């Protein structure tokens, strides 16, 4: 494989890495500062964040996930992922380079397991995805009322990106994606009773608005901190999708 093809594969792999709080790929957010590939198959990536004081656990999660997806590329003989301009950059970079893991990197400060943190944000993303998918359903079927949404199954959702995203979120938290499964369910796949639907929809809407608002805010901060960030994230392979 040529260096050009490996670079393309590396960008595609990074498209899979999602900011845990914003629920968007780091490539779309402009968090990939640079990506280089050598003829020897060494892939080097520098990441950046909107501020120097972003939560260290979020920062570590993204750097760790980036190294994991790149290391799975069979043509990548060596992977180096580094976080720039963060107050814990040195610590995180040392831990990632040594494959020390989250607790090995932060020691007693890592009171919460990284997998638990990842699951918390995946569940949050699932809640927002439910609201988007059901909103798309209501727009496609003006005669349907919110009160009936507790009965909606995955198979009734329109075939569009909101539904595809919901299926990915369900799979990520271990829920069935069968067409007969209810859409409005809790984190363990249990359907909500009809009387709770208005409350659950309001909560899901607030989660979705919070995620989208934070993403917009972070993009603004990134552009302020790194005026060239718009140009850099244009190299993402998701830009044409």
C-alpha atoms as a PDB file:
ATOM      1  CA  UNK A   1       0.000   0.000   0.000  1.00  0.00           C
ATOM      2  CA  UNK A   2       1.295   3.456  -0.893  1.00  0.00           C
ATOM      3  CA  UNK A   3       1.644   6.195   1.705  1.00  0.00           C
ATOM      4  CA  UNK A   4      -1.246   8.008   0.030  1.00  0.00           C
ATOM      5  CA  UNK A   5      -3.578   5.031   0.408  1.00  0.00           C
ATOM      6  CA  UNK A   6      -2.485   4.487   4.001  1.00  0.00           C
ATOM      7  CA  UNK A   7      -3.162   8.147   4.751  1.00  0.00           C
ATOM      8  CA  UNK A   8      -6.657   7.811   3.297  1.00  0.00           C
ATOM      9  CA  UNK A   9      -7.249   4.686   5.383  1.00  0.00           C
ATOM     10  CA  UNK A  10      -6.003   6.498   8.474  1.00  0.00           C
ATOM     11  CA  UNK A  11      -8.411   9.392   7.936  1.00  0.00           C
ATOM     12  CA  UNK A  12     -11.265   6.940   7.438  1.00  0.00           C
ATOM     13  CA  UNK A  13     -10.304   5.191  10.684  1.00  0.00           C
ATOM     14  CA  UNK A  14     -10.267   8.487  12.580  1.00  0.00           C
ATOM     15  CA  UNK A  15     -13.794   9.172  11.324  1.00  0.00           C
ATOM     16  CA  UNK A  16     -14.846   6.409  13.744  1.00  0.00           C
ATOM     17  CA  UNK A  17     -13.482   8.278  16.775  1.00  0.00           C
ATOM     18  CA  UNK A  18     -16.241  10.283  18.423  1.00  0.00           C
ATOM     19  CA  UNK A  19     -15.974  13.047  20.979  1.00  0.00           C
ATOM     20  CA  UNK A  20     -17.714  11.385  23.944  1.00  0.00           C
ATOM     21  CA  UNK A  21     -19.596  14.497  25.007  1.00  0.00           C
ATOM     22  CA  UNK A  22     -20.415  16.045  21.628  1.00  0.00           C
ATOM     23  CA  UNK A  23     -21.250  12.762  19.850  1.00  0.00           C
ATOM     24  CA  UNK A  24     -19.523  13.820  16.622  1.00  0.00           C
ATOM     25  CA  UNK A  25     -16.410  12.475  14.877  1.00  0.00           C
ATOM     26  CA  UNK A  26     -13.201  14.265  15.855  1.00  0.00           C
ATOM     27  CA  UNK A  27     -12.517  14.694  12.135  1.00  0.00           C
ATOM     28  CA  UNK A  28     -15.715  16.693  11.644  1.00  0.00           C
ATOM     29  CA  UNK A  29     -15.010  18.767  14.744  1.00  0.00           C
ATOM     30  CA  UNK A  30     -11.553  19.769  13.549  1.00  0.00           C
ATOM     31  CA  UNK A  31      -9.765  18.075  16.447  1.00  0.00           C
ATOM     32  CA  UNK A  32      -7.223  16.400  14.144  1.00  0.00           C
ATOM     33  CA  UNK A  33      -4.399  18.900  13.841  1.00  0.00           C
ATOM     34  CA  UNK A  34      -2.247  16.821  11.514  1.00  0.00           C
ATOM     35  CA  UNK A  35      -1.800  13.325  10.126  1.00  0.00           C
ATOM     36  CA  UNK A  36       1.382  12.132   8.477  1.00  0.00           C
ATOM     37  CA  UNK A  37       2.465   8.780   7.064  1.00  0.00           C
ATOM     38  CA  UNK A  38       6.008   7.661   6.235  1.00  0.00           C
ATOM     39  CA  UNK A  39       7.055   5.102   3.596  1.00  0.00           C
ATOM     40  CA  UNK A  40       7.919   2.778   6.503  1.00  0.00           C
ATOM     41  CA  UNK A  41       4.264   2.742   7.590  1.00  0.00           C
ATOM     42  CA  UNK A  42       4.603   5.057  10.603  1.00  0.00           C
ATOM     43  CA  UNK A  43       1.353   6.948  11.198  1.00  0.00           C
ATOM     44  CA  UNK A  44       1.658  10.069  13.353  1.00  0.00           C
ATOM     45  CA  UNK A  45      -1.368  12.068  14.457  1.00  0.00           C
ATOM     46  CA  UNK A  46      -1.559  15.260  16.492  1.00  0.00           C
ATOM     47  CA  UNK A  47      -4.869  16.091  18.152  1.00  0.00           C
ATOM     48  CA  UNK A  48      -6.040  19.380  19.634  1.00  0.00           C
ATOM     49  CA  UNK A  49      -9.039  20.545  21.650  1.00  0.00           C
ATOM     50  CA  UNK A  50     -11.007  23.807  21.903  1.00  0.00           C
ATOM     51  CA  UNK A  51      -9.401  24.753  25.230  1.00  0.00           C
ATOM     52  CA  UNK A  52      -6.369  23.722  27.255  1.00  0.00           C
ATOM     53  CA  UNK A  53      -8.588  22.770  30.198  1.00  0.00           C
ATOM     54  CA  UNK A  54     -10.960  20.275  28.567  1.00  0.00           C
ATOM     55  CA  UNK A  55     -11.610  17.409  30.983  1.00  0.00           C
ATOM     56  CA  UNK A  56      -8.578  15.078  31.048  1.00  0.00           C
ATOM     57  CA  UNK A  57     -10.756  11.948  30.978  1.00  0.00           C
ATOM     58  CA  UNK A  58     -12.487  13.110  27.778  1.00  0.00           C
ATOM     59  CA  UNK A  59      -9.140  14.031  26.260  1.00  0.00           C
ATOM     60  CA  UNK A  60      -7.602  10.680  27.160  1.00  0.00           C
ATOM     61  CA  UNK A  61     -10.600   8.824  25.772  1.00  0.00           C
ATOM     62  CA  UNK A  62     -10.256  10.472  22.363  1.00  0.00           C
ATOM     63  CA  UNK A  63      -6.501   9.999  22.159  1.00  0.00           C
ATOM     64  CA  UNK A  64      -6.792   6.374  23.252  1.00  0.00           C
ATOM     65  CA  UNK A  65      -9.596   5.634  20.788  1.00  0.00           C
ATOM     66  CA  UNK A  66      -7.627   7.281  17.975  1.00  0.00           C
ATOM     67  CA  UNK A  67      -4.617   5.091  18.655  1.00  0.00           C
ATOM     68  CA  UNK A  68      -6.807   1.981  18.853  1.00  0.00           C
ATOM     69  CA  UNK A  69      -8.496   2.496  15.461  1.00  0.00           C
ATOM     70  CA  UNK A  70      -5.216   3.368  13.746  1.00  0.00           C
ATOM     71  CA  UNK A  71      -3.427   0.387  15.281  1.00  0.00           C
ATOM     72  CA  UNK A  72      -6.004  -1.906  13.688  1.00  0.00           C
ATOM     73  CA  UNK A  73      -4.855  -0.867  10.207  1.00  0.00           C
ATOM     74  CA  UNK A  74      -2.765  -3.812   8.964  1.00  0.00           C
ATOM     75  CA  UNK A  75      -0.498  -1.513   6.946  1.00  0.00           C
ATOM     76  CA  UNK A  76       0.345   0.696   9.926  1.00  0.00           C
ATOM     77  CA  UNK A  77       3.633  -0.616  11.308  1.00  0.00           C
ATOM     78  CA  UNK A  78       3.771   2.011  14.052  1.00  0.00           C
ATOM     79  CA  UNK A  79       1.198   4.463  15.399  1.00  0.00           C
ATOM     80  CA  UNK A  80       1.975   7.629  17.335  1.00  0.00           C
ATOM     81  CA  UNK A  81      -0.915   9.757  18.618  1.00  0.00           C
ATOM     82  CA  UNK A  82      -0.212  12.909  20.592  1.00  0.00           C
ATOM     83  CA  UNK A  83      -2.395  15.567  22.220  1.00  0.00           C
ATOM     84  CA  UNK A  84      -1.157  19.142  21.799  1.00  0.00           C
ATOM     85  CA  UNK A  85      -1.641  22.244  23.956  1.00  0.00           C
ATOM     86  CA  UNK A  86      -3.571  20.618  26.830  1.00  0.00           C
ATOM     87  CA  UNK A  87      -2.689  21.112  30.488  1.00  0.00           C
ATOM     88  CA  UNK A  88      -2.261  17.337  30.815  1.00  0.00           C
ATOM     89  CA  UNK A  89      -0.683  16.735  27.385  1.00  0.00           C
ATOM     90  CA  UNK A  90       2.626  15.418  28.740  1.00  0.00           C
ATOM     91  CA  UNK A  91       0.938  13.000  31.115  1.00  0.00           C
ATOM     92  CA  UNK A  92      -1.558  11.735  28.556  1.00  0.00           C
ATOM     93  CA  UNK A  93       1.065  11.390  25.821  1.00  0.00           C
ATOM     94  CA  UNK A  94       3.390   9.406  28.093  1.00  0.00           C
ATOM     95  CA  UNK A  95       0.571   7.089  29.109  1.00  0.00           C
ATOM     96  CA  UNK A  96      -0.592   6.530  25.524  1.00  0.00           C
ATOM     97  CA  UNK A  97       2.952   5.888  24.292  1.00  0.00           C
ATOM     98  CA  UNK A  98       3.509   3.326  27.051  1.00  0.00           C
ATOM     99  CA  UNK A  99       0.066   1.712  26.580  1.00  0.00           C
ATOM    100  CA  UNK A 100      -0.384   2.284  30.323  1.00  0.00           C
ATOM    101  CA  UNK A 101      -4.165   2.491  30.174  1.00  0.00           C
ATOM    102  CA  UNK A 102      -6.362   5.102  31.834  1.00  0.00           C
ATOM    103  CA  UNK A 103      -5.704   4.094  35.419  1.00  0.00           C
ATOM    104  CA  UNK A 104      -2.035   3.521  34.715  1.00  0.00           C
ATOM    105  CA  UNK A 105      -1.814   7.044  33.320  1.00  0.00           C
ATOM    106  CA  UNK A 106      -3.731   8.902  36.023  1.00  0.00           C
ATOM    107  CA  UNK A 107      -3.223   6.585  39.015  1.00  0.00           C
ATOM    108  CA  UNK A 108      -5.474   7.240  42.009  1.00  0.00           C
ATOM    109  CA  UNK A 109      -7.073  10.175  40.177  1.00  0.00           C
ATOM    110  CA  UNK A 110      -8.727   7.707  37.797  1.00  0.00           C
ATOM    111  CA  UNK A 111     -11.464   6.787  40.219  1.00  0.00           C
ATOM    112  CA  UNK A 112     -13.868   5.906  37.432  1.00  0.00           C
ATOM    113  CA  UNK A 113     -13.171   3.208  34.893  1.00  0.00           C
ATOM    114  CA  UNK A 114     -12.856   4.485  31.322  1.00  0.00           C
ATOM    115  CA  UNK A 115     -15.318   1.914  29.997  1.00  0.00           C
ATOM    116  CA  UNK A 116     -17.946   3.166  32.464  1.00  0.00           C
ATOM    117  CA  UNK A 117     -17.363   6.725  31.292  1.00  0.00           C
ATOM    118  CA  UNK A 118     -17.627   5.683  27.644  1.00  0.00           C
ATOM    119  CA  UNK A 119     -20.910   3.846  28.325  1.00  0.00           C
ATOM    120  CA  UNK A 120     -22.387   6.876  30.093  1.00  0.00           C
ATOM    121  CA  UNK A 121     -21.841   9.068  27.047  1.00  0.00           C
ATOM    122  CA  UNK A 122     -22.968   6.389  24.610  1.00  0.00           C
ATOM    123  CA  UNK A 123     -26.249   6.180  26.495  1.00  0.00           C
ATOM    124  CA  UNK A 124     -26.582   9.942  26.345  1.00  0.00           C
ATOM    125  CA  UNK A 125     -25.963   9.832  22.587  1.00  0.00           C
ATOM    126  CA  UNK A 126     -28.610   7.111  22.258  1.00  0.00           C
ATOM    127  CA  UNK A 127     -31.168   9.286  24.033  1.00  0.00           C
ATOM    128  CA  UNK A 128     -30.517  12.157  21.623  1.00  0.00           C
ATOM    129  CA  UNK A 129     -30.668   9.791  18.633  1.00  0.00           C
ATOM    130  CA  UNK A 130     -34.100   8.538  19.755  1.00  0.00           C
ATOM    131  CA  UNK A 131     -35.428  12.103  19.757  1.00  0.00           C
ATOM    132  CA  UNK A 132     -34.018  12.814  16.289  1.00  0.00           C
ATOM    133  CA  UNK A 133     -35.421   9.592  14.828  1.00  0.00           C
ATOM    134  CA  UNK A 134     -38.880  10.119  16.288  1.00  0.00           C
ATOM    135  CA  UNK A 135     -38.841  13.740  15.174  1.00  0.00           C
ATOM    136  CA  UNK A 136     -38.115  12.564  11.633  1.00  0.00           C
ATOM    137  CA  UNK A 137     -41.004  10.101  11.900  1.00  0.00           C
ATOM    138  CA  UNK A 138     -43.427  12.838  12.984  1.00  0.00           C
ATOM    139  CA  UNK A 139     -42.330  15.044  10.097  1.00  0.00           C
ATOM    140  CA  UNK A 140     -42.824  12.205   7.605  1.00  0.00           C
ATOM    141  CA  UNK A 141     -46.260  11.334   9.030  1.00  0.00           C
ATOM    142  CA  UNK A 142     -48.076  14.561  10.012  1.00  0.00           C
ATOM    143  CA  UNK A 143     -51.123  12.594  11.128  1.00  0.00           C
ATOM    144  CA  UNK A 144     -49.247  10.761  13.870  1.00  0.00           C
ATOM    145  CA  UNK A 145     -49.551  12.097  17.414  1.00  0.00           C
ATOM    146  CA  UNK A 146     -46.853  12.114  20.087  1.00  0.00           C
ATOM    147  CA  UNK A 147     -49.067  10.013  22.357  1.00  0.00           C
ATOM    148  CA  UNK A 148     -48.672   7.062  19.999  1.00  0.00           C
ATOM    149  CA  UNK A 149     -44.892   7.107  19.930  1.00  0.00           C
ATOM    150  CA  UNK A 150     -44.522   4.587  22.746  1.00  0.00           C
ATOM    151  CA  UNK A 151     -45.726   1.918  20.299  1.00  0.00           C
ATOM    152  CA  UNK A 152     -43.334   2.795  17.478  1.00  0.00           C
ATOM    153  CA  UNK A 153     -40.922   0.058  16.452  1.00  0.00           C
ATOM    154  CA  UNK A 154     -37.608   0.383  14.644  1.00  0.00           C
ATOM    155  CA  UNK A 155     -39.181  -1.060  11.502  1.00  0.00           C
ATOM    156  CA  UNK A 156     -41.645   1.861  11.344  1.00  0.00           C
ATOM    157  CA  UNK A 157     -38.948   4.533  11.217  1.00  0.00           C
ATOM    158  CA  UNK A 158     -38.241   6.207   7.875  1.00  0.00           C
ATOM    159  CA  UNK A 159     -35.148   5.034   6.023  1.00  0.00           C
ATOM    160  CA  UNK A 160     -32.930   8.059   6.562  1.00  0.00           C
ATOM    161  CA  UNK A 161     -29.762   9.136   8.371  1.00  0.00           C
ATOM    162  CA  UNK A 162     -31.497   9.709  11.721  1.00  0.00           C
ATOM    163  CA  UNK A 163     -32.612   6.070  11.762  1.00  0.00           C
ATOM    164  CA  UNK A 164     -29.180   4.816  10.723  1.00  0.00           C
ATOM    165  CA  UNK A 165     -27.612   6.863  13.518  1.00  0.00           C
ATOM    166  CA  UNK A 166     -30.078   5.464  16.048  1.00  0.00           C
ATOM    167  CA  UNK A 167     -29.222   1.908  15.023  1.00  0.00           C
ATOM    168  CA  UNK A 168     -25.522   2.634  15.535  1.00  0.00           C
ATOM    169  CA  UNK A 169     -26.229   4.106  18.971  1.00  0.00           C
ATOM    170  CA  UNK A 170     -28.344   1.116  19.963  1.00  0.00           C
ATOM    171  CA  UNK A 171     -25.649  -1.299  18.864  1.00  0.00           C
ATOM    172  CA  UNK A 172     -23.028   0.677  20.804  1.00  0.00           C
ATOM    173  CA  UNK A 173     -24.887   0.205  24.092  1.00  0.00           C
ATOM    174  CA  UNK A 174     -25.824  -3.416  23.444  1.00  0.00           C
ATOM    175  CA  UNK A 175     -29.473  -3.040  22.416  1.00  0.00           C
ATOM    176  CA  UNK A 176     -31.168  -5.108  19.722  1.00  0.00           C
ATOM    177  CA  UNK A 177     -31.680  -3.460  16.339  1.00  0.00           C
ATOM    178  CA  UNK A 178     -34.459  -5.817  15.207  1.00  0.00           C
ATOM    179  CA  UNK A 179     -37.317  -4.138  13.371  1.00  0.00           C
ATOM    180  CA  UNK A 180     -39.840  -5.313  15.973  1.00  0.00           C
ATOM    181  CA  UNK A 181     -38.045  -3.582  18.869  1.00  0.00           C
ATOM    182  CA  UNK A 182     -39.625  -0.492  20.420  1.00  0.00           C
ATOM    183  CA  UNK A 183     -37.810   2.792  19.819  1.00  0.00           C
ATOM    184  CA  UNK A 184     -38.615   4.474  23.139  1.00  0.00           C
ATOM    185  CA  UNK A 185     -36.756   2.297  25.624  1.00  0.00           C
ATOM    186  CA  UNK A 186     -34.511   2.823  28.619  1.00  0.00           C
ATOM    187  CA  UNK A 187     -30.784   2.074  28.723  1.00  0.00           C
ATOM    188  CA  UNK A 188     -31.522  -1.636  29.153  1.00  0.00           C
ATOM    189  CA  UNK A 189     -34.067  -1.932  26.336  1.00  0.00           C
ATOM    190  CA  UNK A 190     -37.216  -1.817  28.463  1.00  0.00           C
ATOM    191  CA  UNK A 191     -40.106   0.102  26.819  1.00  0.00           C
ATOM    192  CA  UNK A 192     -41.469   3.108  28.678  1.00  0.00           C
ATOM    193  CA  UNK A 193     -45.158   3.076  29.675  1.00  0.00           C
ATOM    194  CA  UNK A 194     -47.464   5.298  27.648  1.00  0.00           C
ATOM    195  CA  UNK A 195     -48.053   7.770  30.488  1.00  0.00           C
ATOM    196  CA  UNK A 196     -44.333   8.567  30.678  1.00  0.00           C
ATOM    197  CA  UNK A 197     -43.912   9.383  26.993  1.00  0.00           C
ATOM    198  CA  UNK A 198     -44.335  13.202  27.195  1.00  0.00           C
ATOM    199  CA  UNK A 199     -41.770  13.402  30.004  1.00  0.00           C
ATOM    200  CA  UNK A 200     -39.332  11.086  28.233  1.00  0.00           C
ATOM    201  CA  UNK A 201     -39.604  13.023  24.985  1.00  0.00           C
ATOM    202  CA  UNK A 202     -38.974  16.342  26.747  1.00  0.00           C
ATOM    203  CA  UNK A 203     -35.918  14.847  28.442  1.00  0.00           C
ATOM    204  CA  UNK A 204     -34.606  13.394  25.173  1.00  0.00           C
ATOM    205  CA  UNK A 205     -35.135  16.744  23.460  1.00  0.00           C
ATOM    206  CA  UNK A 206     -33.183  18.560  26.177  1.00  0.00           C
ATOM    207  CA  UNK A 207     -30.307  16.070  25.841  1.00  0.00           C
ATOM    208  CA  UNK A 208     -30.221  16.496  22.071  1.00  0.00           C
ATOM    209  CA  UNK A 209     -30.273  20.306  22.301  1.00  0.00           C
ATOM    210  CA  UNK A 210     -27.527  20.233  24.934  1.00  0.00           C
ATOM    211  CA  UNK A 211     -25.276  18.039  22.780  1.00  0.00           C
ATOM    212  CA  UNK A 212     -25.817  20.122  19.650  1.00  0.00           C
ATOM    213  CA  UNK A 213     -25.352  23.390  21.555  1.00  0.00           C
ATOM    214  CA  UNK A 214     -22.099  22.188  23.099  1.00  0.00           C
ATOM    215  CA  UNK A 215     -20.815  21.082  19.697  1.00  0.00           C
ATOM    216  CA  UNK A 216     -21.566  24.494  18.199  1.00  0.00           C
ATOM    217  CA  UNK A 217     -19.884  26.234  21.145  1.00  0.00           C
ATOM    218  CA  UNK A 218     -16.788  24.030  20.913  1.00  0.00           C
ATOM    219  CA  UNK A 219     -16.440  24.689  17.190  1.00  0.00           C
ATOM    220  CA  UNK A 220     -16.464  28.408  17.932  1.00  0.00           C
ATOM    221  CA  UNK A 221     -13.833  28.026  20.642  1.00  0.00           C
ATOM    222  CA  UNK A 222     -11.656  25.925  18.343  1.00  0.00           C
ATOM    223  CA  UNK A 223     -11.829  28.526  15.556  1.00  0.00           C
ATOM    224  CA  UNK A 224     -10.874  31.212  18.070  1.00  0.00           C
ATOM    225  CA  UNK A 225      -7.956  29.217  19.422  1.00  0.00           C
ATOM    226  CA  UNK A 226      -6.839  27.833  16.044  1.00  0.00           C
ATOM    227  CA  UNK A 227      -7.985  30.088  13.171  1.00  0.00           C
ATOM    228  CA  UNK A 228      -6.811  27.465  10.663  1.00  0.00           C
ATOM    229  CA  UNK A 229      -9.001  24.709  12.111  1.00  0.00           C
ATOM    230  CA  UNK A 230     -11.678  25.004   9.416  1.00  0.00           C
ATOM    231  CA  UNK A 231      -9.089  24.375   6.718  1.00  0.00           C
ATOM    232  CA  UNK A 232      -7.569  21.439   8.586  1.00  0.00           C
ATOM    233  CA  UNK A 233     -10.726  19.466   9.245  1.00  0.00           C
ATOM    234  CA  UNK A 234     -11.703  19.776   5.585  1.00  0.00           C
ATOM    235  CA  UNK A 235      -9.367  16.826   4.930  1.00  0.00           C
ATOM    236  CA  UNK A 236     -11.753  14.504   6.786  1.00  0.00           C
ATOM    237  CA  UNK A 237     -13.068  11.661   4.635  1.00  0.00           C
ATOM    238  CA  UNK A 238     -16.585  12.346   5.944  1.00  0.00           C
ATOM    239  CA  UNK A 239     -16.802  15.730   4.265  1.00  0.00           C
ATOM    240  CA  UNK A 240     -18.346  14.264   1.109  1.00  0.00           C
ATOM    241  CA  UNK A 241     -20.853  12.006   2.865  1.00  0.00           C
END
